[in-house]
Amino acid sequence: MLDKKVLIVDDEKDFCFSFRDFLKNKGIRADVALDGDQARNLIELNTYDFIFFDFNMPGITGIELPKIIKKHNANAKKFLVTGYDLVDEKFEKLLELDGLIRKPANLEQLYNIIQP
């Protein structure tokens, strides 16, 4: 599992750092971005296996981020983690996501996505 690298993008600091620390305890490397602009910078500089991101956040939004991921990390699995009620399966297909997860997200559930 040490070869997996995850990016967590959300403006909710508690969620980001809790998820990062949870993954670290499982032996998985994870980076955190607290807005879409930080995420873009990390995605351009690094290769990720999984990217979990919020829909509504400062800077680049969850609508724009999948295009950036596709350009710079084409093989990354993309998961939208949101509490925004209007985001549904139509968005999942439109944004070419690998999954849509509702908040509040269970860390064990998110970890299970990463496991082979």
N, C-alpha and C. Protein backbone atom coordinates (compact mmCIF):
# COMPACT_ATOMS: atom_id res chain seq x y z
N MET A 1 0.82 -1.20 0.00
CA MET A 1 0.00 0.00 0.00
C MET A 1 0.87 1.27 0.00
N LEU A 2 2.14 1.14 0.35
CA LEU A 2 2.99 2.31 0.43
C LEU A 2 3.21 2.98 -0.93
N ASP A 3 2.92 2.28 -2.00
CA ASP A 3 3.15 2.86 -3.31
C ASP A 3 1.99 3.74 -3.78
N LYS A 4 0.91 3.80 -3.03
CA LYS A 4 -0.24 4.63 -3.40
C LYS A 4 -0.02 6.05 -2.90
N LYS A 5 -0.45 7.00 -3.72
CA LYS A 5 -0.37 8.40 -3.31
C LYS A 5 -1.73 9.05 -3.54
N VAL A 6 -2.19 9.78 -2.52
CA VAL A 6 -3.53 10.35 -2.51
C VAL A 6 -3.44 11.87 -2.34
N LEU A 7 -4.35 12.56 -3.02
CA LEU A 7 -4.52 14.00 -2.82
C LEU A 7 -5.92 14.24 -2.28
N ILE A 8 -6.00 15.01 -1.20
CA ILE A 8 -7.27 15.36 -0.56
C ILE A 8 -7.45 16.87 -0.74
N VAL A 9 -8.55 17.27 -1.38
CA VAL A 9 -8.80 18.68 -1.67
C VAL A 9 -10.13 19.09 -1.06
N ASP A 10 -10.08 19.97 -0.08
CA ASP A 10 -11.30 20.42 0.58
C ASP A 10 -10.96 21.65 1.41
N ASP A 11 -11.89 22.59 1.49
CA ASP A 11 -11.64 23.77 2.32
C ASP A 11 -12.00 23.51 3.78
N GLU A 12 -12.48 22.32 4.09
CA GLU A 12 -12.73 21.93 5.49
C GLU A 12 -11.45 21.30 6.04
N LYS A 13 -10.68 22.11 6.77
CA LYS A 13 -9.39 21.66 7.28
C LYS A 13 -9.49 20.40 8.12
N ASP A 14 -10.49 20.33 9.00
CA ASP A 14 -10.62 19.17 9.88
C ASP A 14 -10.75 17.87 9.08
N PHE A 15 -11.58 17.91 8.03
CA PHE A 15 -11.75 16.72 7.20
C PHE A 15 -10.43 16.36 6.52
N CYS A 16 -9.77 17.33 5.92
CA CYS A 16 -8.52 17.06 5.20
C CYS A 16 -7.47 16.42 6.09
N PHE A 17 -7.23 17.04 7.24
CA PHE A 17 -6.15 16.55 8.09
C PHE A 17 -6.52 15.26 8.81
N SER A 18 -7.78 15.09 9.13
CA SER A 18 -8.21 13.81 9.72
C SER A 18 -8.03 12.68 8.72
N PHE A 19 -8.45 12.90 7.48
CA PHE A 19 -8.32 11.89 6.44
C PHE A 19 -6.85 11.61 6.15
N ARG A 20 -6.04 12.68 6.04
CA ARG A 20 -4.61 12.50 5.79
C ARG A 20 -3.95 11.67 6.89
N ASP A 21 -4.24 12.02 8.14
CA ASP A 21 -3.64 11.29 9.27
C ASP A 21 -4.12 9.85 9.32
N PHE A 22 -5.39 9.63 9.01
CA PHE A 22 -5.95 8.27 8.96
C PHE A 22 -5.20 7.45 7.91
N LEU A 23 -4.99 8.01 6.73
CA LEU A 23 -4.27 7.30 5.67
C LEU A 23 -2.81 7.07 6.05
N LYS A 24 -2.20 8.06 6.66
CA LYS A 24 -0.80 7.93 7.08
C LYS A 24 -0.65 6.75 8.04
N ASN A 25 -1.60 6.61 8.96
CA ASN A 25 -1.56 5.48 9.91
C ASN A 25 -1.73 4.14 9.21
N LYS A 26 -2.30 4.16 8.00
CA LYS A 26 -2.47 2.93 7.20
C LYS A 26 -1.30 2.74 6.23
N GLY A 27 -0.33 3.64 6.27
CA GLY A 27 0.84 3.52 5.42
C GLY A 27 0.67 4.12 4.03
N ILE A 28 -0.27 5.03 3.87
CA ILE A 28 -0.53 5.63 2.57
C ILE A 28 -0.12 7.11 2.60
N ARG A 29 0.63 7.51 1.60
CA ARG A 29 1.06 8.91 1.49
C ARG A 29 -0.09 9.76 0.97
N ALA A 30 -0.31 10.89 1.61
CA ALA A 30 -1.39 11.78 1.18
C ALA A 30 -0.96 13.24 1.31
N ASP A 31 -1.31 14.02 0.32
CA ASP A 31 -1.11 15.46 0.35
C ASP A 31 -2.47 16.12 0.55
N VAL A 32 -2.44 17.35 1.05
CA VAL A 32 -3.66 18.11 1.31
C VAL A 32 -3.59 19.44 0.57
N ALA A 33 -4.71 19.82 -0.05
CA ALA A 33 -4.87 21.15 -0.63
C ALA A 33 -6.16 21.72 -0.05
N LEU A 34 -6.10 22.95 0.44
CA LEU A 34 -7.27 23.56 1.08
C LEU A 34 -8.11 24.41 0.13
N ASP A 35 -7.70 24.48 -1.13
CA ASP A 35 -8.52 25.13 -2.15
C ASP A 35 -8.12 24.59 -3.52
N GLY A 36 -8.89 24.96 -4.52
CA GLY A 36 -8.65 24.45 -5.85
C GLY A 36 -7.34 24.90 -6.47
N ASP A 37 -6.90 26.09 -6.13
CA ASP A 37 -5.64 26.59 -6.68
C ASP A 37 -4.45 25.80 -6.15
N GLN A 38 -4.45 25.52 -4.84
CA GLN A 38 -3.39 24.66 -4.26
C GLN A 38 -3.43 23.28 -4.92
N ALA A 39 -4.64 22.78 -5.14
CA ALA A 39 -4.79 21.46 -5.76
C ALA A 39 -4.17 21.45 -7.15
N ARG A 40 -4.46 22.48 -7.94
CA ARG A 40 -3.90 22.55 -9.30
C ARG A 40 -2.38 22.51 -9.26
N ASN A 41 -1.78 23.27 -8.36
CA ASN A 41 -0.32 23.28 -8.24
C ASN A 41 0.22 21.90 -7.90
N LEU A 42 -0.40 21.22 -6.95
CA LEU A 42 0.05 19.88 -6.56
C LEU A 42 -0.14 18.87 -7.69
N ILE A 43 -1.26 18.96 -8.38
CA ILE A 43 -1.56 18.04 -9.49
C ILE A 43 -0.57 18.23 -10.63
N GLU A 44 -0.15 19.46 -10.87
CA GLU A 44 0.82 19.73 -11.93
C GLU A 44 2.22 19.23 -11.58
N LEU A 45 2.52 19.14 -10.27
CA LEU A 45 3.86 18.76 -9.83
C LEU A 45 4.02 17.29 -9.43
N ASN A 46 2.91 16.62 -9.13
CA ASN A 46 2.97 15.26 -8.59
C ASN A 46 2.08 14.32 -9.37
N THR A 47 2.31 13.03 -9.14
CA THR A 47 1.45 12.00 -9.71
C THR A 47 0.68 11.36 -8.57
N TYR A 48 -0.63 11.30 -8.71
CA TYR A 48 -1.50 10.72 -7.68
C TYR A 48 -2.25 9.53 -8.25
N ASP A 49 -2.53 8.59 -7.35
CA ASP A 49 -3.35 7.43 -7.72
C ASP A 49 -4.82 7.71 -7.49
N PHE A 50 -5.11 8.48 -6.44
CA PHE A 50 -6.48 8.82 -6.06
C PHE A 50 -6.54 10.28 -5.68
N ILE A 51 -7.59 10.96 -6.15
CA ILE A 51 -7.81 12.36 -5.78
C ILE A 51 -9.25 12.49 -5.30
N PHE A 52 -9.39 12.90 -4.04
CA PHE A 52 -10.69 13.15 -3.42
C PHE A 52 -10.85 14.66 -3.32
N PHE A 53 -11.93 15.20 -3.86
CA PHE A 53 -12.07 16.65 -3.85
C PHE A 53 -13.52 17.07 -3.61
N ASP A 54 -13.63 18.28 -3.07
CA ASP A 54 -14.92 18.87 -2.76
C ASP A 54 -15.47 19.56 -4.00
N PHE A 55 -16.76 19.83 -3.98
CA PHE A 55 -17.43 20.49 -5.09
C PHE A 55 -17.30 22.01 -4.98
N ASN A 56 -17.65 22.53 -3.82
CA ASN A 56 -17.72 23.97 -3.60
C ASN A 56 -16.56 24.39 -2.71
N MET A 57 -15.56 25.07 -3.30
CA MET A 57 -14.40 25.52 -2.54
C MET A 57 -13.81 26.75 -3.21
N PRO A 58 -12.98 27.50 -2.48
CA PRO A 58 -12.37 28.71 -3.06
C PRO A 58 -11.47 28.38 -4.25
N GLY A 59 -11.35 29.35 -5.15
CA GLY A 59 -10.49 29.16 -6.32
C GLY A 59 -11.14 28.23 -7.32
N ILE A 60 -10.35 27.34 -7.85
CA ILE A 60 -10.85 26.36 -8.81
C ILE A 60 -11.85 25.45 -8.11
N THR A 61 -13.01 25.25 -8.73
CA THR A 61 -14.07 24.46 -8.10
C THR A 61 -14.00 22.99 -8.51
N GLY A 62 -14.87 22.21 -7.89
CA GLY A 62 -14.97 20.79 -8.21
C GLY A 62 -15.47 20.52 -9.61
N ILE A 63 -16.01 21.52 -10.28
CA ILE A 63 -16.42 21.36 -11.67
C ILE A 63 -15.20 21.49 -12.60
N GLU A 64 -14.30 22.38 -12.27
CA GLU A 64 -13.12 22.63 -13.11
C GLU A 64 -11.98 21.66 -12.85
N LEU A 65 -11.88 21.18 -11.62
CA LEU A 65 -10.74 20.35 -11.22
C LEU A 65 -10.59 19.05 -12.03
N PRO A 66 -11.66 18.35 -12.37
CA PRO A 66 -11.48 17.11 -13.14
C PRO A 66 -10.76 17.31 -14.48
N LYS A 67 -10.94 18.46 -15.12
CA LYS A 67 -10.25 18.74 -16.38
C LYS A 67 -8.74 18.85 -16.15
N ILE A 68 -8.37 19.48 -15.04
CA ILE A 68 -6.95 19.63 -14.69
C ILE A 68 -6.36 18.27 -14.35
N ILE A 69 -7.12 17.47 -13.62
CA ILE A 69 -6.66 16.12 -13.27
C ILE A 69 -6.44 15.31 -14.54
N LYS A 70 -7.40 15.37 -15.44
CA LYS A 70 -7.31 14.60 -16.69
C LYS A 70 -6.07 14.99 -17.49
N LYS A 71 -5.75 16.27 -17.49
CA LYS A 71 -4.59 16.76 -18.25
C LYS A 71 -3.26 16.35 -17.63
N HIS A 72 -3.15 16.42 -16.29
CA HIS A 72 -1.86 16.22 -15.63
C HIS A 72 -1.73 14.89 -14.88
N ASN A 73 -2.83 14.26 -14.54
CA ASN A 73 -2.82 12.98 -13.80
C ASN A 73 -3.90 12.08 -14.39
N ALA A 74 -3.79 11.80 -15.66
CA ALA A 74 -4.85 11.09 -16.40
C ALA A 74 -5.24 9.75 -15.78
N ASN A 75 -4.31 9.09 -15.11
CA ASN A 75 -4.60 7.77 -14.54
C ASN A 75 -5.15 7.83 -13.12
N ALA A 76 -5.22 9.02 -12.55
CA ALA A 76 -5.73 9.15 -11.17
C ALA A 76 -7.22 8.85 -11.13
N LYS A 77 -7.65 8.16 -10.08
CA LYS A 77 -9.07 7.93 -9.83
C LYS A 77 -9.61 9.18 -9.16
N LYS A 78 -10.74 9.69 -9.67
CA LYS A 78 -11.31 10.95 -9.21
C LYS A 78 -12.61 10.70 -8.44
N PHE A 79 -12.64 11.19 -7.19
CA PHE A 79 -13.83 11.03 -6.35
C PHE A 79 -14.26 12.39 -5.80
N LEU A 80 -15.49 12.75 -6.09
CA LEU A 80 -16.07 13.98 -5.58
C LEU A 80 -16.72 13.68 -4.23
N VAL A 81 -16.28 14.39 -3.20
CA VAL A 81 -16.82 14.22 -1.85
C VAL A 81 -17.56 15.51 -1.51
N THR A 82 -18.88 15.43 -1.42
CA THR A 82 -19.65 16.67 -1.28
C THR A 82 -20.89 16.50 -0.41
N GLY A 83 -21.28 17.59 0.17
CA GLY A 83 -22.53 17.64 0.90
C GLY A 83 -23.56 18.47 0.13
N TYR A 84 -23.18 18.91 -1.04
CA TYR A 84 -24.02 19.76 -1.88
C TYR A 84 -25.11 18.89 -2.52
N ASP A 85 -26.36 19.15 -2.16
CA ASP A 85 -27.48 18.29 -2.56
C ASP A 85 -27.73 18.23 -4.06
N LEU A 86 -27.41 19.28 -4.78
CA LEU A 86 -27.72 19.30 -6.21
C LEU A 86 -26.74 18.49 -7.06
N VAL A 87 -25.64 18.05 -6.45
CA VAL A 87 -24.67 17.24 -7.18
C VAL A 87 -25.17 15.79 -7.15
N ASP A 88 -25.36 15.22 -8.33
CA ASP A 88 -25.90 13.86 -8.42
C ASP A 88 -25.16 13.06 -9.48
N GLU A 89 -25.74 11.93 -9.86
CA GLU A 89 -25.10 11.03 -10.81
C GLU A 89 -24.87 11.70 -12.17
N LYS A 90 -25.67 12.68 -12.51
CA LYS A 90 -25.46 13.40 -13.78
C LYS A 90 -24.10 14.10 -13.77
N PHE A 91 -23.78 14.70 -12.63
CA PHE A 91 -22.46 15.34 -12.49
C PHE A 91 -21.36 14.30 -12.56
N GLU A 92 -21.60 13.15 -11.95
CA GLU A 92 -20.60 12.08 -11.94
C GLU A 92 -20.22 11.70 -13.37
N LYS A 93 -21.20 11.56 -14.24
CA LYS A 93 -20.94 11.21 -15.64
C LYS A 93 -20.33 12.39 -16.40
N LEU A 94 -20.90 13.56 -16.21
CA LEU A 94 -20.44 14.76 -16.90
C LEU A 94 -18.97 15.05 -16.60
N LEU A 95 -18.58 14.89 -15.35
CA LEU A 95 -17.22 15.20 -14.93
C LEU A 95 -16.27 14.00 -15.04
N GLU A 96 -16.81 12.87 -15.54
CA GLU A 96 -16.02 11.65 -15.72
C GLU A 96 -15.36 11.21 -14.41
N LEU A 97 -16.17 11.15 -13.36
CA LEU A 97 -15.67 10.76 -12.04
C LEU A 97 -15.67 9.25 -11.88
N ASP A 98 -14.85 8.80 -10.95
CA ASP A 98 -14.86 7.38 -10.59
C ASP A 98 -15.82 7.11 -9.45
N GLY A 99 -16.30 8.17 -8.81
CA GLY A 99 -17.27 8.00 -7.75
C GLY A 99 -17.72 9.31 -7.15
N LEU A 100 -18.89 9.25 -6.54
CA LEU A 100 -19.49 10.39 -5.86
C LEU A 100 -19.79 9.95 -4.43
N ILE A 101 -19.24 10.67 -3.46
CA ILE A 101 -19.38 10.32 -2.06
C ILE A 101 -20.05 11.47 -1.32
N ARG A 102 -21.06 11.15 -0.55
CA ARG A 102 -21.80 12.16 0.22
C ARG A 102 -21.12 12.44 1.55
N LYS A 103 -21.13 13.72 1.92
CA LYS A 103 -20.67 14.12 3.26
C LYS A 103 -21.84 14.00 4.23
N PRO A 104 -21.60 13.71 5.47
CA PRO A 104 -20.28 13.47 6.05
C PRO A 104 -19.74 12.11 5.61
N ALA A 105 -18.49 12.11 5.17
CA ALA A 105 -17.86 10.89 4.67
C ALA A 105 -17.23 10.11 5.81
N ASN A 106 -17.36 8.82 5.74
CA ASN A 106 -16.76 7.91 6.70
C ASN A 106 -15.33 7.60 6.24
N LEU A 107 -14.34 7.84 7.09
CA LEU A 107 -12.95 7.65 6.69
C LEU A 107 -12.65 6.21 6.31
N GLU A 108 -13.24 5.27 7.00
CA GLU A 108 -13.04 3.85 6.67
C GLU A 108 -13.60 3.56 5.28
N GLN A 109 -14.75 4.14 4.96
CA GLN A 109 -15.36 3.98 3.63
C GLN A 109 -14.42 4.54 2.55
N LEU A 110 -13.85 5.69 2.79
CA LEU A 110 -12.93 6.29 1.83
C LEU A 110 -11.67 5.45 1.68
N TYR A 111 -11.18 4.93 2.78
CA TYR A 111 -9.99 4.06 2.74
C TYR A 111 -10.26 2.82 1.93
N ASN A 112 -11.45 2.26 2.06
CA ASN A 112 -11.80 1.04 1.33
C ASN A 112 -11.77 1.26 -0.18
N ILE A 113 -11.99 2.48 -0.64
CA ILE A 113 -11.89 2.80 -2.06
C ILE A 113 -10.44 2.64 -2.54
N ILE A 114 -9.50 2.97 -1.70
CA ILE A 114 -8.09 2.95 -2.05
C ILE A 114 -7.51 1.54 -2.04
N GLN A 115 -8.03 0.69 -1.20
CA GLN A 115 -7.52 -0.67 -1.10
C GLN A 115 -7.78 -1.42 -2.40
N PRO A 116 -6.85 -2.30 -2.76
CA PRO A 116 -7.02 -3.08 -4.02
C PRO A 116 -8.17 -4.07 -3.89
